[in-house]
């Protein structure tokens, strides 16, 4: 069996692990289900477009389902914001 590694930011990984735990399954189970659902609809042009758009924005942004990352407000003279759990999961 071959393996594919998925690299996630901590905010993404934490949200995924918490979601999997709430279902009493592993993170790998959730990822396999997501991949299965995606590939079952892979011929849909909207799915293809979503893959391309996600690739483009992922370099600089976290997905909405991830936990928030700590943000720095030094330029505004405010204290740093603390990470928060995802509101989607």
N, C-alpha and C. Protein backbone atom coordinates (compact mmCIF):
# COMPACT_ATOMS: atom_id res chain seq x y z
N UNK A 1 0.85 -1.17 0.00
CA UNK A 1 0.00 0.00 0.00
C UNK A 1 0.90 1.24 0.00
N UNK A 2 0.58 2.18 -0.84
CA UNK A 2 1.35 3.42 -0.87
C UNK A 2 0.77 4.42 0.12
N UNK A 3 1.55 5.44 0.43
CA UNK A 3 1.12 6.46 1.39
C UNK A 3 1.27 7.83 0.77
N UNK A 4 0.35 8.71 1.10
CA UNK A 4 0.41 10.10 0.70
C UNK A 4 0.38 10.93 1.98
N UNK A 5 1.32 11.84 2.12
CA UNK A 5 1.36 12.69 3.30
C UNK A 5 0.60 13.98 3.02
N UNK A 6 -0.16 14.40 4.00
CA UNK A 6 -0.87 15.67 3.93
C UNK A 6 -0.23 16.59 4.96
N UNK A 7 0.27 17.70 4.50
CA UNK A 7 0.90 18.66 5.41
C UNK A 7 -0.13 19.71 5.81
N UNK A 8 -0.37 19.81 7.11
CA UNK A 8 -1.35 20.75 7.63
C UNK A 8 -0.70 21.71 8.60
N UNK A 9 -1.20 22.91 8.63
CA UNK A 9 -0.80 23.86 9.65
C UNK A 9 -1.38 23.39 10.98
N UNK A 10 -0.82 23.84 12.07
CA UNK A 10 -1.30 23.43 13.40
C UNK A 10 -2.79 23.74 13.57
N UNK A 11 -3.23 24.90 13.10
CA UNK A 11 -4.64 25.28 13.23
C UNK A 11 -5.55 24.35 12.44
N UNK A 12 -5.06 23.83 11.31
CA UNK A 12 -5.83 22.87 10.53
C UNK A 12 -5.85 21.51 11.21
N UNK A 13 -4.69 21.08 11.65
CA UNK A 13 -4.55 19.77 12.29
C UNK A 13 -5.36 19.69 13.57
N UNK A 14 -5.31 20.72 14.39
CA UNK A 14 -6.07 20.73 15.64
C UNK A 14 -7.56 20.59 15.38
N UNK A 15 -8.07 21.33 14.40
CA UNK A 15 -9.50 21.26 14.07
C UNK A 15 -9.87 19.88 13.55
N UNK A 16 -9.02 19.31 12.70
CA UNK A 16 -9.28 17.98 12.16
C UNK A 16 -9.29 16.93 13.27
N UNK A 17 -8.30 16.96 14.14
CA UNK A 17 -8.21 16.00 15.24
C UNK A 17 -9.43 16.11 16.16
N UNK A 18 -9.82 17.32 16.48
CA UNK A 18 -10.97 17.53 17.36
C UNK A 18 -12.25 17.00 16.71
N UNK A 19 -12.41 17.24 15.40
CA UNK A 19 -13.59 16.75 14.69
C UNK A 19 -13.61 15.23 14.66
N UNK A 20 -12.48 14.62 14.34
CA UNK A 20 -12.40 13.15 14.31
C UNK A 20 -12.73 12.56 15.68
N UNK A 21 -12.19 13.17 16.72
CA UNK A 21 -12.44 12.70 18.08
C UNK A 21 -13.93 12.78 18.42
N UNK A 22 -14.59 13.82 17.95
CA UNK A 22 -16.03 13.96 18.23
C UNK A 22 -16.85 12.87 17.56
N UNK A 23 -16.31 12.28 16.49
CA UNK A 23 -16.98 11.19 15.79
C UNK A 23 -16.49 9.82 16.24
N UNK A 24 -15.49 9.82 17.13
CA UNK A 24 -14.87 8.59 17.61
C UNK A 24 -14.21 7.80 16.47
N UNK A 25 -13.55 8.54 15.58
CA UNK A 25 -12.78 7.95 14.48
C UNK A 25 -11.41 8.64 14.46
N UNK A 26 -10.54 8.18 13.56
CA UNK A 26 -9.23 8.80 13.43
C UNK A 26 -9.27 9.92 12.39
N UNK A 27 -8.26 10.78 12.45
CA UNK A 27 -8.14 11.84 11.45
C UNK A 27 -8.01 11.21 10.06
N UNK A 28 -7.31 10.09 9.97
CA UNK A 28 -7.17 9.40 8.68
C UNK A 28 -8.52 8.96 8.14
N UNK A 29 -9.42 8.53 9.02
CA UNK A 29 -10.77 8.14 8.59
C UNK A 29 -11.50 9.33 7.97
N UNK A 30 -11.38 10.49 8.61
CA UNK A 30 -12.05 11.69 8.10
C UNK A 30 -11.45 12.08 6.75
N UNK A 31 -10.13 12.06 6.64
CA UNK A 31 -9.48 12.42 5.38
C UNK A 31 -9.83 11.45 4.26
N UNK A 32 -9.90 10.15 4.57
CA UNK A 32 -10.25 9.18 3.54
C UNK A 32 -11.68 9.40 3.06
N UNK A 33 -12.59 9.69 3.98
CA UNK A 33 -13.97 9.97 3.60
C UNK A 33 -14.04 11.20 2.71
N UNK A 34 -13.30 12.25 3.09
CA UNK A 34 -13.31 13.48 2.29
C UNK A 34 -12.76 13.21 0.90
N UNK A 35 -11.68 12.44 0.81
CA UNK A 35 -11.11 12.11 -0.49
C UNK A 35 -12.09 11.28 -1.31
N UNK A 36 -12.74 10.33 -0.68
CA UNK A 36 -13.73 9.50 -1.37
C UNK A 36 -14.86 10.35 -1.94
N UNK A 37 -15.40 11.25 -1.13
CA UNK A 37 -16.49 12.12 -1.60
C UNK A 37 -16.03 13.01 -2.74
N UNK A 38 -14.82 13.55 -2.62
CA UNK A 38 -14.29 14.43 -3.65
C UNK A 38 -14.14 13.68 -4.98
N UNK A 39 -13.52 12.52 -4.94
CA UNK A 39 -13.26 11.79 -6.18
C UNK A 39 -14.51 11.20 -6.80
N UNK A 40 -15.54 10.96 -6.01
CA UNK A 40 -16.81 10.49 -6.57
C UNK A 40 -17.47 11.59 -7.41
N UNK A 41 -17.08 12.84 -7.15
CA UNK A 41 -17.63 13.98 -7.90
C UNK A 41 -16.57 14.66 -8.74
N UNK A 42 -15.48 13.99 -9.00
CA UNK A 42 -14.34 14.58 -9.67
C UNK A 42 -14.58 15.06 -11.10
N UNK A 43 -15.60 14.57 -11.75
CA UNK A 43 -15.88 15.01 -13.12
C UNK A 43 -16.60 16.35 -13.18
N UNK A 44 -17.16 16.75 -12.08
CA UNK A 44 -17.90 18.01 -12.01
C UNK A 44 -16.93 19.17 -12.22
N UNK A 45 -17.17 20.04 -13.22
CA UNK A 45 -16.28 21.17 -13.45
C UNK A 45 -16.12 22.08 -12.23
N UNK A 46 -17.15 22.20 -11.41
CA UNK A 46 -17.06 23.03 -10.21
C UNK A 46 -16.05 22.45 -9.22
N UNK A 47 -15.98 21.13 -9.13
CA UNK A 47 -15.01 20.48 -8.25
C UNK A 47 -13.59 20.75 -8.75
N UNK A 48 -13.40 20.62 -10.05
CA UNK A 48 -12.08 20.90 -10.63
C UNK A 48 -11.67 22.35 -10.36
N UNK A 49 -12.60 23.28 -10.52
CA UNK A 49 -12.31 24.69 -10.28
C UNK A 49 -11.99 24.93 -8.81
N UNK A 50 -12.73 24.28 -7.93
CA UNK A 50 -12.49 24.44 -6.49
C UNK A 50 -11.09 23.95 -6.11
N UNK A 51 -10.64 22.87 -6.71
CA UNK A 51 -9.29 22.36 -6.44
C UNK A 51 -8.25 23.39 -6.86
N UNK A 52 -8.41 23.95 -8.03
CA UNK A 52 -7.44 24.95 -8.50
C UNK A 52 -7.45 26.21 -7.64
N UNK A 53 -8.64 26.66 -7.24
CA UNK A 53 -8.73 27.85 -6.41
C UNK A 53 -8.17 27.60 -5.01
N UNK A 54 -8.44 26.44 -4.46
CA UNK A 54 -7.92 26.10 -3.14
C UNK A 54 -6.40 26.05 -3.16
N UNK A 55 -5.84 25.48 -4.20
CA UNK A 55 -4.38 25.44 -4.32
C UNK A 55 -3.81 26.86 -4.30
N UNK A 56 -4.47 27.77 -4.98
CA UNK A 56 -3.97 29.14 -5.08
C UNK A 56 -4.04 29.88 -3.74
N UNK A 57 -5.15 29.78 -3.02
CA UNK A 57 -5.27 30.57 -1.79
C UNK A 57 -4.60 29.92 -0.60
N UNK A 58 -4.34 28.61 -0.68
CA UNK A 58 -3.79 27.91 0.48
C UNK A 58 -2.38 28.37 0.83
N UNK A 59 -1.65 28.94 -0.10
CA UNK A 59 -0.29 29.41 0.20
C UNK A 59 -0.29 30.46 1.30
N UNK A 60 -1.32 31.29 1.35
CA UNK A 60 -1.33 32.43 2.26
C UNK A 60 -2.47 32.47 3.26
N UNK A 61 -3.37 31.50 3.22
CA UNK A 61 -4.56 31.57 4.06
C UNK A 61 -4.88 30.22 4.69
N UNK A 62 -5.54 30.27 5.83
CA UNK A 62 -6.09 29.06 6.44
C UNK A 62 -7.52 28.90 5.95
N UNK A 63 -8.01 27.65 5.85
CA UNK A 63 -9.41 27.46 5.46
C UNK A 63 -10.34 27.90 6.58
N UNK A 64 -11.58 28.18 6.24
CA UNK A 64 -12.55 28.64 7.24
C UNK A 64 -12.79 27.59 8.32
N UNK A 65 -12.65 26.30 8.00
CA UNK A 65 -12.91 25.25 8.98
C UNK A 65 -11.77 25.06 9.98
N UNK A 66 -10.62 25.68 9.74
CA UNK A 66 -9.50 25.52 10.67
C UNK A 66 -9.70 26.40 11.89
N UNK A 67 -8.91 26.09 12.93
CA UNK A 67 -8.89 26.99 14.08
C UNK A 67 -8.24 28.28 13.62
N UNK A 68 -8.51 29.37 14.32
CA UNK A 68 -7.84 30.62 13.95
C UNK A 68 -6.40 30.55 14.43
N UNK A 69 -5.53 31.17 13.71
CA UNK A 69 -4.13 31.23 14.12
C UNK A 69 -3.95 32.47 15.00
N UNK A 70 -2.93 32.45 15.81
CA UNK A 70 -2.64 33.65 16.60
C UNK A 70 -2.24 34.75 15.64
N UNK A 71 -2.75 35.93 15.87
CA UNK A 71 -2.40 37.04 15.00
C UNK A 71 -1.75 38.14 15.83
N UNK A 72 -0.87 38.84 15.20
CA UNK A 72 -0.12 39.89 15.87
C UNK A 72 -0.74 41.24 15.55
N UNK A 73 -1.01 42.03 16.57
CA UNK A 73 -1.61 43.34 16.39
C UNK A 73 -0.64 44.46 16.78
N UNK A 74 0.65 44.17 16.73
CA UNK A 74 1.64 45.15 17.18
C UNK A 74 1.52 46.47 16.42
N UNK A 75 1.22 46.38 15.15
CA UNK A 75 1.11 47.60 14.36
C UNK A 75 -0.07 48.45 14.77
N UNK A 76 -1.04 47.85 15.46
CA UNK A 76 -2.21 48.60 15.93
C UNK A 76 -2.09 48.97 17.39
N UNK A 77 -0.99 48.59 18.03
CA UNK A 77 -0.82 48.88 19.44
C UNK A 77 -1.68 48.02 20.34
N UNK A 78 -2.17 46.88 19.81
CA UNK A 78 -3.01 45.98 20.60
C UNK A 78 -2.19 44.74 20.97
N UNK A 79 -2.69 43.98 21.94
CA UNK A 79 -2.02 42.73 22.29
C UNK A 79 -2.32 41.68 21.22
N UNK A 80 -1.50 40.64 21.20
CA UNK A 80 -1.68 39.57 20.22
C UNK A 80 -3.00 38.85 20.46
N UNK A 81 -3.67 38.49 19.38
CA UNK A 81 -4.91 37.72 19.48
C UNK A 81 -4.55 36.26 19.73
N UNK A 82 -5.32 35.59 20.55
CA UNK A 82 -5.09 34.18 20.84
C UNK A 82 -5.85 33.31 19.84
N UNK A 83 -5.31 32.13 19.52
CA UNK A 83 -6.02 31.22 18.62
C UNK A 83 -7.38 30.83 19.20
N UNK A 84 -8.34 30.59 18.34
CA UNK A 84 -9.67 30.17 18.77
C UNK A 84 -10.09 28.94 17.98
N UNK A 85 -10.88 28.03 18.60
CA UNK A 85 -11.36 26.86 17.87
C UNK A 85 -12.26 27.27 16.70
N UNK A 86 -12.29 26.41 15.70
CA UNK A 86 -13.13 26.65 14.52
C UNK A 86 -14.60 26.75 14.91
N UNK A 87 -15.29 27.68 14.33
CA UNK A 87 -16.73 27.79 14.59
C UNK A 87 -17.52 26.87 13.66
N UNK A 88 -16.84 26.22 12.71
CA UNK A 88 -17.52 25.35 11.76
C UNK A 88 -17.57 23.91 12.22
N UNK A 89 -16.73 23.54 13.19
CA UNK A 89 -16.69 22.14 13.64
C UNK A 89 -17.13 22.02 15.07
